[in-house]
Amino acid sequence: MGWEQVLTIIVGTSSIVAAIITLAVSLINKRFEDMNKRFEDMNRRIDSLERRMESELKEIKFLLYKVLEVPHKEE
């Protein structure tokens, strides 16, 4: 087997390995992008719920103060 054949085998094998690694990295990146989108969506939902809860708590406080308000006695 000559040097040309050895180099051809090495280059061919390394090209295949490089293609497999590139494919694996692109699949992993896609998976991470999908996960990031899900986390961003969850964060938006949590923020929305937090704002709604704060609004509801303000309303509850207002109603409680209104209901529990003690009228002043007139002297």
PDB file of N, CA and C in Angstrom:
ATOM      1  N   MET A   1       0.855  -1.165   0.000  1.00  0.00           N
ATOM      2  CA  MET A   1       0.000   0.000   0.000  1.00  0.00           C
ATOM      3  C   MET A   1       0.901   1.227   0.000  1.00  0.00           C
ATOM      4  N   GLY A   2       0.639   2.129  -0.936  1.00  0.00           N
ATOM      5  CA  GLY A   2       1.479   3.311  -1.052  1.00  0.00           C
ATOM      6  C   GLY A   2       0.995   4.439  -0.151  1.00  0.00           C
ATOM      7  N   TRP A   3       1.850   5.470  -0.063  1.00  0.00           N
ATOM      8  CA  TRP A   3       1.540   6.623   0.785  1.00  0.00           C
ATOM      9  C   TRP A   3       0.276   7.334   0.322  1.00  0.00           C
ATOM     10  N   GLU A   4       0.052   7.332  -0.964  1.00  0.00           N
ATOM     11  CA  GLU A   4      -1.136   7.996  -1.500  1.00  0.00           C
ATOM     12  C   GLU A   4      -2.408   7.322  -1.004  1.00  0.00           C
ATOM     13  N   GLN A   5      -2.399   6.012  -0.979  1.00  0.00           N
ATOM     14  CA  GLN A   5      -3.565   5.278  -0.494  1.00  0.00           C
ATOM     15  C   GLN A   5      -3.780   5.512   1.004  1.00  0.00           C
ATOM     16  N   VAL A   6      -2.687   5.519   1.764  1.00  0.00           N
ATOM     17  CA  VAL A   6      -2.775   5.749   3.211  1.00  0.00           C
ATOM     18  C   VAL A   6      -3.341   7.139   3.479  1.00  0.00           C
ATOM     19  N   LEU A   7      -2.805   8.151   2.761  1.00  0.00           N
ATOM     20  CA  LEU A   7      -3.307   9.507   2.936  1.00  0.00           C
ATOM     21  C   LEU A   7      -4.777   9.616   2.515  1.00  0.00           C
ATOM     22  N   THR A   8      -5.158   8.948   1.457  1.00  0.00           N
ATOM     23  CA  THR A   8      -6.548   8.962   1.004  1.00  0.00           C
ATOM     24  C   THR A   8      -7.460   8.356   2.066  1.00  0.00           C
ATOM     25  N   ILE A   9      -7.056   7.263   2.658  1.00  0.00           N
ATOM     26  CA  ILE A   9      -7.850   6.618   3.708  1.00  0.00           C
ATOM     27  C   ILE A   9      -7.953   7.529   4.931  1.00  0.00           C
ATOM     28  N   ILE A  10      -6.829   8.131   5.328  1.00  0.00           N
ATOM     29  CA  ILE A  10      -6.830   9.024   6.500  1.00  0.00           C
ATOM     30  C   ILE A  10      -7.735  10.227   6.251  1.00  0.00           C
ATOM     31  N   VAL A  11      -7.597  10.858   5.094  1.00  0.00           N
ATOM     32  CA  VAL A  11      -8.409  12.039   4.774  1.00  0.00           C
ATOM     33  C   VAL A  11      -9.886  11.660   4.673  1.00  0.00           C
ATOM     34  N   GLY A  12     -10.188  10.565   4.038  1.00  0.00           N
ATOM     35  CA  GLY A  12     -11.579  10.118   3.909  1.00  0.00           C
ATOM     36  C   GLY A  12     -12.203   9.820   5.264  1.00  0.00           C
ATOM     37  N   THR A  13     -11.465   9.114   6.104  1.00  0.00           N
ATOM     38  CA  THR A  13     -11.962   8.772   7.432  1.00  0.00           C
ATOM     39  C   THR A  13     -12.154  10.024   8.281  1.00  0.00           C
ATOM     40  N   SER A  14     -11.173  10.927   8.224  1.00  0.00           N
ATOM     41  CA  SER A  14     -11.296  12.151   9.019  1.00  0.00           C
ATOM     42  C   SER A  14     -12.441  13.018   8.512  1.00  0.00           C
ATOM     43  N   SER A  15     -12.701  13.008   7.221  1.00  0.00           N
ATOM     44  CA  SER A  15     -13.834  13.761   6.669  1.00  0.00           C
ATOM     45  C   SER A  15     -15.154  13.196   7.183  1.00  0.00           C
ATOM     46  N   ILE A  16     -15.264  11.889   7.217  1.00  0.00           N
ATOM     47  CA  ILE A  16     -16.484  11.250   7.728  1.00  0.00           C
ATOM     48  C   ILE A  16     -16.669  11.575   9.206  1.00  0.00           C
ATOM     49  N   VAL A  17     -15.595  11.471   9.971  1.00  0.00           N
ATOM     50  CA  VAL A  17     -15.670  11.787  11.408  1.00  0.00           C
ATOM     51  C   VAL A  17     -16.055  13.254  11.606  1.00  0.00           C
ATOM     52  N   ALA A  18     -15.477  14.153  10.823  1.00  0.00           N
ATOM     53  CA  ALA A  18     -15.801  15.580  10.927  1.00  0.00           C
ATOM     54  C   ALA A  18     -17.270  15.824  10.578  1.00  0.00           C
ATOM     55  N   ALA A  19     -17.778  15.149   9.579  1.00  0.00           N
ATOM     56  CA  ALA A  19     -19.186  15.305   9.197  1.00  0.00           C
ATOM     57  C   ALA A  19     -20.106  14.813  10.314  1.00  0.00           C
ATOM     58  N   ILE A  20     -19.766  13.699  10.933  1.00  0.00           N
ATOM     59  CA  ILE A  20     -20.569  13.158  12.031  1.00  0.00           C
ATOM     60  C   ILE A  20     -20.553  14.112  13.228  1.00  0.00           C
ATOM     61  N   ILE A  21     -19.379  14.634  13.551  1.00  0.00           N
ATOM     62  CA  ILE A  21     -19.269  15.577  14.674  1.00  0.00           C
ATOM     63  C   ILE A  21     -20.069  16.849  14.377  1.00  0.00           C
ATOM     64  N   THR A  22     -19.982  17.357  13.155  1.00  0.00           N
ATOM     65  CA  THR A  22     -20.732  18.557  12.771  1.00  0.00           C
ATOM     66  C   THR A  22     -22.231  18.314  12.892  1.00  0.00           C
ATOM     67  N   LEU A  23     -22.680  17.167  12.436  1.00  0.00           N
ATOM     68  CA  LEU A  23     -24.091  16.820  12.536  1.00  0.00           C
ATOM     69  C   LEU A  23     -24.530  16.741  13.998  1.00  0.00           C
ATOM     70  N   ALA A  24     -23.720  16.099  14.828  1.00  0.00           N
ATOM     71  CA  ALA A  24     -24.044  15.972  16.248  1.00  0.00           C
ATOM     72  C   ALA A  24     -24.115  17.341  16.922  1.00  0.00           C
ATOM     73  N   VAL A  25     -23.166  18.200  16.626  1.00  0.00           N
ATOM     74  CA  VAL A  25     -23.149  19.541  17.223  1.00  0.00           C
ATOM     75  C   VAL A  25     -24.376  20.341  16.779  1.00  0.00           C
ATOM     76  N   SER A  26     -24.743  20.238  15.505  1.00  0.00           N
ATOM     77  CA  SER A  26     -25.912  20.985  15.036  1.00  0.00           C
ATOM     78  C   SER A  26     -27.189  20.464  15.698  1.00  0.00           C
ATOM     79  N   LEU A  27     -27.298  19.155  15.896  1.00  0.00           N
ATOM     80  CA  LEU A  27     -28.466  18.597  16.584  1.00  0.00           C
ATOM     81  C   LEU A  27     -28.514  19.042  18.037  1.00  0.00           C
ATOM     82  N   ILE A  28     -27.370  19.072  18.687  1.00  0.00           N
ATOM     83  CA  ILE A  28     -27.303  19.518  20.088  1.00  0.00           C
ATOM     84  C   ILE A  28     -27.683  20.993  20.181  1.00  0.00           C
ATOM     85  N   ASN A  29     -27.168  21.825  19.276  1.00  0.00           N
ATOM     86  CA  ASN A  29     -27.509  23.251  19.269  1.00  0.00           C
ATOM     87  C   ASN A  29     -29.003  23.462  19.063  1.00  0.00           C
ATOM     88  N   LYS A  30     -29.593  22.691  18.154  1.00  0.00           N
ATOM     89  CA  LYS A  30     -31.029  22.804  17.908  1.00  0.00           C
ATOM     90  C   LYS A  30     -31.795  22.444  19.165  1.00  0.00           C
ATOM     91  N   ARG A  31     -31.358  21.418  19.844  1.00  0.00           N
ATOM     92  CA  ARG A  31     -32.023  20.992  21.080  1.00  0.00           C
ATOM     93  C   ARG A  31     -31.944  22.095  22.131  1.00  0.00           C
ATOM     94  N   PHE A  32     -30.769  22.731  22.268  1.00  0.00           N
ATOM     95  CA  PHE A  32     -30.614  23.815  23.229  1.00  0.00           C
ATOM     96  C   PHE A  32     -31.461  25.021  22.854  1.00  0.00           C
ATOM     97  N   GLU A  33     -31.574  25.314  21.562  1.00  0.00           N
ATOM     98  CA  GLU A  33     -32.421  26.420  21.122  1.00  0.00           C
ATOM     99  C   GLU A  33     -33.873  26.157  21.486  1.00  0.00           C
ATOM    100  N   ASP A  34     -34.324  24.911  21.284  1.00  0.00           N
ATOM    101  CA  ASP A  34     -35.691  24.548  21.656  1.00  0.00           C
ATOM    102  C   ASP A  34     -35.901  24.694  23.157  1.00  0.00           C
ATOM    103  N   MET A  35     -34.924  24.270  23.937  1.00  0.00           N
ATOM    104  CA  MET A  35     -35.030  24.395  25.389  1.00  0.00           C
ATOM    105  C   MET A  35     -35.063  25.858  25.797  1.00  0.00           C
ATOM    106  N   ASN A  36     -34.236  26.697  25.174  1.00  0.00           N
ATOM    107  CA  ASN A  36     -34.224  28.119  25.483  1.00  0.00           C
ATOM    108  C   ASN A  36     -35.569  28.760  25.168  1.00  0.00           C
ATOM    109  N   LYS A  37     -36.179  28.373  24.050  1.00  0.00           N
ATOM    110  CA  LYS A  37     -37.493  28.901  23.699  1.00  0.00           C
ATOM    111  C   LYS A  37     -38.522  28.508  24.750  1.00  0.00           C
ATOM    112  N   ARG A  38     -38.442  27.271  25.211  1.00  0.00           N
ATOM    113  CA  ARG A  38     -39.379  26.820  26.247  1.00  0.00           C
ATOM    114  C   ARG A  38     -39.174  27.596  27.538  1.00  0.00           C
ATOM    115  N   PHE A  39     -37.921  27.813  27.932  1.00  0.00           N
ATOM    116  CA  PHE A  39     -37.648  28.566  29.153  1.00  0.00           C
ATOM    117  C   PHE A  39     -38.137  30.012  29.020  1.00  0.00           C
ATOM    118  N   GLU A  40     -37.921  30.614  27.856  1.00  0.00           N
ATOM    119  CA  GLU A  40     -38.395  31.983  27.644  1.00  0.00           C
ATOM    120  C   GLU A  40     -39.918  32.036  27.732  1.00  0.00           C
ATOM    121  N   ASP A  41     -40.586  31.035  27.154  1.00  0.00           N
ATOM    122  CA  ASP A  41     -42.040  30.980  27.222  1.00  0.00           C
ATOM    123  C   ASP A  41     -42.509  30.815  28.671  1.00  0.00           C
ATOM    124  N   MET A  42     -41.842  29.951  29.408  1.00  0.00           N
ATOM    125  CA  MET A  42     -42.191  29.759  30.823  1.00  0.00           C
ATOM    126  C   MET A  42     -41.965  31.040  31.610  1.00  0.00           C
ATOM    127  N   ASN A  43     -40.875  31.741  31.346  1.00  0.00           N
ATOM    128  CA  ASN A  43     -40.601  32.998  32.042  1.00  0.00           C
ATOM    129  C   ASN A  43     -41.675  34.041  31.741  1.00  0.00           C
ATOM    130  N   ARG A  44     -42.109  34.122  30.478  1.00  0.00           N
ATOM    131  CA  ARG A  44     -43.180  35.056  30.128  1.00  0.00           C
ATOM    132  C   ARG A  44     -44.469  34.712  30.871  1.00  0.00           C
ATOM    133  N   ARG A  45     -44.779  33.425  30.929  1.00  0.00           N
ATOM    134  CA  ARG A  45     -45.989  33.002  31.644  1.00  0.00           C
ATOM    135  C   ARG A  45     -45.893  33.316  33.129  1.00  0.00           C
ATOM    136  N   ILE A  46     -44.742  33.061  33.723  1.00  0.00           N
ATOM    137  CA  ILE A  46     -44.546  33.355  35.146  1.00  0.00           C
ATOM    138  C   ILE A  46     -44.680  34.848  35.394  1.00  0.00           C
ATOM    139  N   ASP A  47     -44.082  35.670  34.544  1.00  0.00           N
ATOM    140  CA  ASP A  47     -44.188  37.124  34.690  1.00  0.00           C
ATOM    141  C   ASP A  47     -45.634  37.579  34.586  1.00  0.00           C
ATOM    142  N   SER A  48     -46.366  37.004  33.639  1.00  0.00           N
ATOM    143  CA  SER A  48     -47.773  37.358  33.473  1.00  0.00           C
ATOM    144  C   SER A  48     -48.575  36.970  34.713  1.00  0.00           C
ATOM    145  N   LEU A  49     -48.337  35.769  35.214  1.00  0.00           N
ATOM    146  CA  LEU A  49     -49.036  35.328  36.424  1.00  0.00           C
ATOM    147  C   LEU A  49     -48.681  36.207  37.620  1.00  0.00           C
ATOM    148  N   GLU A  50     -47.423  36.577  37.708  1.00  0.00           N
ATOM    149  CA  GLU A  50     -46.984  37.426  38.813  1.00  0.00           C
ATOM    150  C   GLU A  50     -47.702  38.780  38.766  1.00  0.00           C
ATOM    151  N   ARG A  51     -47.804  39.370  37.579  1.00  0.00           N
ATOM    152  CA  ARG A  51     -48.500  40.648  37.444  1.00  0.00           C
ATOM    153  C   ARG A  51     -49.979  40.509  37.816  1.00  0.00           C
ATOM    154  N   ARG A  52     -50.605  39.419  37.350  1.00  0.00           N
ATOM    155  CA  ARG A  52     -52.018  39.200  37.679  1.00  0.00           C
ATOM    156  C   ARG A  52     -52.209  38.994  39.176  1.00  0.00           C
ATOM    157  N   MET A  53     -51.294  38.239  39.805  1.00  0.00           N
ATOM    158  CA  MET A  53     -51.393  38.010  41.242  1.00  0.00           C
ATOM    159  C   MET A  53     -51.229  39.314  42.020  1.00  0.00           C
ATOM    160  N   GLU A  54     -50.289  40.147  41.611  1.00  0.00           N
ATOM    161  CA  GLU A  54     -50.084  41.434  42.278  1.00  0.00           C
ATOM    162  C   GLU A  54     -51.344  42.297  42.165  1.00  0.00           C
ATOM    163  N   SER A  55     -51.946  42.288  40.993  1.00  0.00           N
ATOM    164  CA  SER A  55     -53.169  43.051  40.781  1.00  0.00           C
ATOM    165  C   SER A  55     -54.295  42.515  41.669  1.00  0.00           C
ATOM    166  N   GLU A  56     -54.426  41.205  41.716  1.00  0.00           N
ATOM    167  CA  GLU A  56     -55.464  40.592  42.544  1.00  0.00           C
ATOM    168  C   GLU A  56     -55.223  40.868  44.025  1.00  0.00           C
ATOM    169  N   LEU A  57     -53.966  40.823  44.456  1.00  0.00           N
ATOM    170  CA  LEU A  57     -53.652  41.102  45.854  1.00  0.00           C
ATOM    171  C   LEU A  57     -53.995  42.543  46.219  1.00  0.00           C
ATOM    172  N   LYS A  58     -53.732  43.474  45.321  1.00  0.00           N
ATOM    173  CA  LYS A  58     -54.098  44.871  45.568  1.00  0.00           C
ATOM    174  C   LYS A  58     -55.611  44.999  45.730  1.00  0.00           C
ATOM    175  N   GLU A  59     -56.337  44.305  44.865  1.00  0.00           N
ATOM    176  CA  GLU A  59     -57.795  44.338  44.942  1.00  0.00           C
ATOM    177  C   GLU A  59     -58.290  43.737  46.259  1.00  0.00           C
ATOM    178  N   ILE A  60     -57.700  42.618  46.660  1.00  0.00           N
ATOM    179  CA  ILE A  60     -58.082  41.969  47.925  1.00  0.00           C
ATOM    180  C   ILE A  60     -57.783  42.893  49.107  1.00  0.00           C
ATOM    181  N   LYS A  61     -56.621  43.512  49.110  1.00  0.00           N
ATOM    182  CA  LYS A  61     -56.270  44.438  50.194  1.00  0.00           C
ATOM    183  C   LYS A  61     -57.266  45.588  50.261  1.00  0.00           C
ATOM    184  N   PHE A  62     -57.583  46.134  49.103  1.00  0.00           N
ATOM    185  CA  PHE A  62     -58.523  47.244  49.056  1.00  0.00           C
ATOM    186  C   PHE A  62     -59.873  46.830  49.647  1.00  0.00           C
ATOM    187  N   LEU A  63     -60.361  45.656  49.221  1.00  0.00           N
ATOM    188  CA  LEU A  63     -61.653  45.183  49.713  1.00  0.00           C
ATOM    189  C   LEU A  63     -61.614  44.884  51.209  1.00  0.00           C
ATOM    190  N   LEU A  64     -60.521  44.307  51.671  1.00  0.00           N
ATOM    191  CA  LEU A  64     -60.401  44.027  53.103  1.00  0.00           C
ATOM    192  C   LEU A  64     -60.401  45.309  53.918  1.00  0.00           C
ATOM    193  N   TYR A  65     -59.661  46.301  53.488  1.00  0.00           N
ATOM    194  CA  TYR A  65     -59.661  47.579  54.199  1.00  0.00           C
ATOM    195  C   TYR A  65     -61.054  48.200  54.201  1.00  0.00           C
ATOM    196  N   LYS A  66     -61.743  48.062  53.099  1.00  0.00           N
ATOM    197  CA  LYS A  66     -63.080  48.629  52.988  1.00  0.00           C
ATOM    198  C   LYS A  66     -64.056  47.907  53.920  1.00  0.00           C
ATOM    199  N   VAL A  67     -63.976  46.554  53.943  1.00  0.00           N
ATOM    200  CA  VAL A  67     -64.887  45.762  54.769  1.00  0.00           C
ATOM    201  C   VAL A  67     -64.554  45.907  56.242  1.00  0.00           C
ATOM    202  N   LEU A  68     -63.279  45.934  56.585  1.00  0.00           N
ATOM    203  CA  LEU A  68     -62.871  45.965  57.985  1.00  0.00           C
ATOM    204  C   LEU A  68     -62.768  47.382  58.558  1.00  0.00           C
ATOM    205  N   GLU A  69     -63.131  48.331  57.765  1.00  0.00           N
ATOM    206  CA  GLU A  69     -63.034  49.715  58.214  1.00  0.00           C
ATOM    207  C   GLU A  69     -63.969  49.950  59.404  1.00  0.00           C
ATOM    208  N   VAL A  70     -63.409  50.473  60.463  1.00  0.00           N
ATOM    209  CA  VAL A  70     -64.197  50.733  61.671  1.00  0.00           C
ATOM    210  C   VAL A  70     -64.697  52.168  61.604  1.00  0.00           C
ATOM    211  N   PRO A  71     -66.017  52.362  61.676  1.00  0.00           N
ATOM    212  CA  PRO A  71     -66.517  53.722  61.609  1.00  0.00           C
ATOM    213  C   PRO A  71     -66.172  54.515  62.886  1.00  0.00           C
ATOM    214  N   HIS A  72     -65.923  55.775  62.712  1.00  0.00           N
ATOM    215  CA  HIS A  72     -65.615  56.631  63.863  1.00  0.00           C
ATOM    216  C   HIS A  72     -66.876  56.910  64.669  1.00  0.00           C
ATOM    217  N   LYS A  73     -66.720  56.857  65.993  1.00  0.00           N
ATOM    218  CA  LYS A  73     -67.862  57.173  66.852  1.00  0.00           C
ATOM    219  C   LYS A  73     -68.033  58.677  66.930  1.00  0.00           C
ATOM    220  N   GLU A  74     -69.266  59.096  66.818  1.00  0.00           N
ATOM    221  CA  GLU A  74     -69.519  60.538  66.965  1.00  0.00           C
ATOM    222  C   GLU A  74     -69.784  60.857  68.421  1.00  0.00           C
ATOM    223  N   GLU A  75     -69.171  61.903  68.909  1.00  0.00           N
ATOM    224  CA  GLU A  75     -69.345  62.264  70.331  1.00  0.00           C
ATOM    225  C   GLU A  75     -70.245  63.425  70.475  1.00  0.00           C
TER     226      GLU A  75
END
